[in-house]
Amino acid sequence: MGRGSCRDFAVLFVEAVRTLGFGARIVSGYLFTPPQQGVSGTTHAWAEVFVPGAGWISFDPTNRQTGGFNLIPVAVARDLSQAMPVSGTFTGADNDAVRLIVDVRVSEAA
């Protein structure tokens, strides 16, 4: 249907690549975007594939691109459940709004 979260697309991509015989893993972290309208980042998930001779290469199936400076990894694992950035439960009414706001600040390492 062309819909899903970044985690859905990353898991699907990893499983497809594994069927081709490549090593693949899930990466959970943040997607940095230049500040616009007060928003500068969001939680994100993507995949890394081990290509012999080249090493681990990042693929962001959600945004249809290979890795870049804007992907900030926090956790890397074989399975998505091992790399959850935030986990927990929510108890409330069906119409209650649940929001997560992320402020990503990129600085040069010393």
Protein backbone atom coordinates (compact mmCIF):
# COMPACT_ATOMS: atom_id res chain seq x y z
CA MET A 1 0.00 0.00 0.00
CA GLY A 2 3.05 2.27 0.06
CA ARG A 3 2.65 3.14 3.73
CA GLY A 4 4.61 2.36 6.84
CA SER A 5 7.05 3.78 9.34
CA CYS A 6 10.78 4.12 8.78
CA ARG A 7 11.20 1.06 10.99
CA ASP A 8 8.83 -0.95 8.78
CA PHE A 9 10.80 -0.03 5.66
CA ALA A 10 14.16 -0.76 7.34
CA VAL A 11 13.02 -4.22 8.52
CA LEU A 12 11.60 -5.08 5.08
CA PHE A 13 14.82 -3.92 3.39
CA VAL A 14 17.04 -5.89 5.79
CA GLU A 15 15.03 -9.09 5.34
CA ALA A 16 15.07 -8.72 1.54
CA VAL A 17 18.84 -8.16 1.48
CA ARG A 18 19.42 -11.18 3.74
CA THR A 19 17.53 -13.41 1.29
CA LEU A 20 20.16 -12.36 -1.29
CA GLY A 21 22.91 -13.65 1.02
CA PHE A 22 24.21 -10.34 2.37
CA GLY A 23 24.73 -9.48 6.01
CA ALA A 24 22.38 -6.72 7.11
CA ARG A 25 21.50 -4.91 10.32
CA ILE A 26 19.04 -2.33 11.63
CA VAL A 27 20.22 1.09 12.78
CA SER A 28 18.16 3.27 15.08
CA GLY A 29 18.99 6.90 15.64
CA TYR A 30 18.13 10.36 14.42
CA LEU A 31 17.62 12.04 11.07
CA PHE A 32 19.13 15.51 11.12
CA THR A 33 17.46 18.11 8.95
CA PRO A 34 18.54 21.73 8.72
CA PRO A 35 16.43 23.79 11.16
CA GLN A 36 13.14 24.79 9.64
CA GLN A 37 10.06 26.01 11.43
CA GLY A 38 11.61 25.07 14.78
CA VAL A 39 12.15 21.40 13.85
CA SER A 40 15.70 20.11 13.40
CA GLY A 41 15.43 16.34 13.59
CA THR A 42 13.41 13.24 14.24
CA THR A 43 13.90 9.68 15.42
CA HIS A 44 14.67 7.43 12.48
CA ALA A 45 15.61 3.89 11.48
CA TRP A 46 17.56 2.65 8.47
CA ALA A 47 19.62 -0.34 7.37
CA GLU A 48 23.27 -1.20 6.89
CA VAL A 49 24.41 -3.89 4.48
CA PHE A 50 27.82 -5.54 4.52
CA VAL A 51 29.23 -5.49 1.01
CA PRO A 52 32.43 -7.53 0.63
CA GLY A 53 35.33 -5.24 -0.23
CA ALA A 54 33.39 -2.12 0.71
CA GLY A 55 32.25 -2.84 4.28
CA TRP A 56 29.05 -1.61 5.93
CA ILE A 57 27.01 0.73 3.71
CA SER A 58 24.00 2.67 5.02
CA PHE A 59 20.71 2.53 3.13
CA ASP A 60 17.71 4.67 4.02
CA PRO A 61 14.78 2.98 2.26
CA THR A 62 12.28 5.47 3.68
CA ASN A 63 13.97 8.38 1.89
CA ARG A 64 15.23 6.25 -1.02
CA GLN A 65 18.91 7.09 -0.55
CA THR A 66 22.19 5.67 0.57
CA GLY A 67 23.57 6.91 3.88
CA GLY A 68 24.73 10.42 4.46
CA PHE A 69 25.82 12.98 7.01
CA ASN A 70 22.23 13.41 8.20
CA LEU A 71 21.94 9.87 9.65
CA ILE A 72 23.05 9.90 13.29
CA PRO A 73 23.28 6.32 14.64
CA VAL A 74 22.51 5.52 18.27
CA ALA A 75 22.04 1.74 18.23
CA VAL A 76 22.91 -1.01 15.76
CA ALA A 77 21.49 -4.52 16.04
CA ARG A 78 20.50 -7.61 14.09
CA ASP A 79 16.85 -7.24 15.07
CA LEU A 80 14.74 -4.11 15.55
CA SER A 81 13.68 -5.12 19.07
CA GLN A 82 17.33 -4.91 20.12
CA ALA A 83 17.70 -1.29 18.92
CA MET A 84 14.64 0.52 20.23
CA PRO A 85 15.44 4.19 20.94
CA VAL A 86 12.48 4.53 23.30
CA SER A 87 10.22 1.82 24.61
CA GLY A 88 7.37 1.72 27.05
CA THR A 89 3.62 1.67 27.29
CA PHE A 90 0.89 4.26 27.15
CA THR A 91 -2.42 4.03 28.93
CA GLY A 92 -5.16 6.40 27.87
CA ALA A 93 -8.15 6.97 25.66
CA ASP A 94 -8.05 6.15 21.95
CA ASN A 95 -8.29 9.83 21.04
CA ASP A 96 -5.47 10.97 23.36
CA ALA A 97 -2.55 12.43 21.43
CA VAL A 98 0.91 10.97 21.95
CA ARG A 99 3.83 13.07 20.67
CA LEU A 100 7.56 12.75 20.72
CA ILE A 101 9.62 15.86 20.04
CA VAL A 102 13.30 15.53 19.23
CA ASP A 103 15.84 18.32 19.06
CA VAL A 104 18.98 17.19 17.23
CA ARG A 105 22.02 19.40 17.61
CA VAL A 106 25.03 18.52 15.52
CA SER A 107 28.41 19.80 16.62
CA GLU A 108 31.96 19.22 15.49
CA ALA A 109 33.83 16.65 17.58
CA ALA A 110 36.93 17.98 19.30
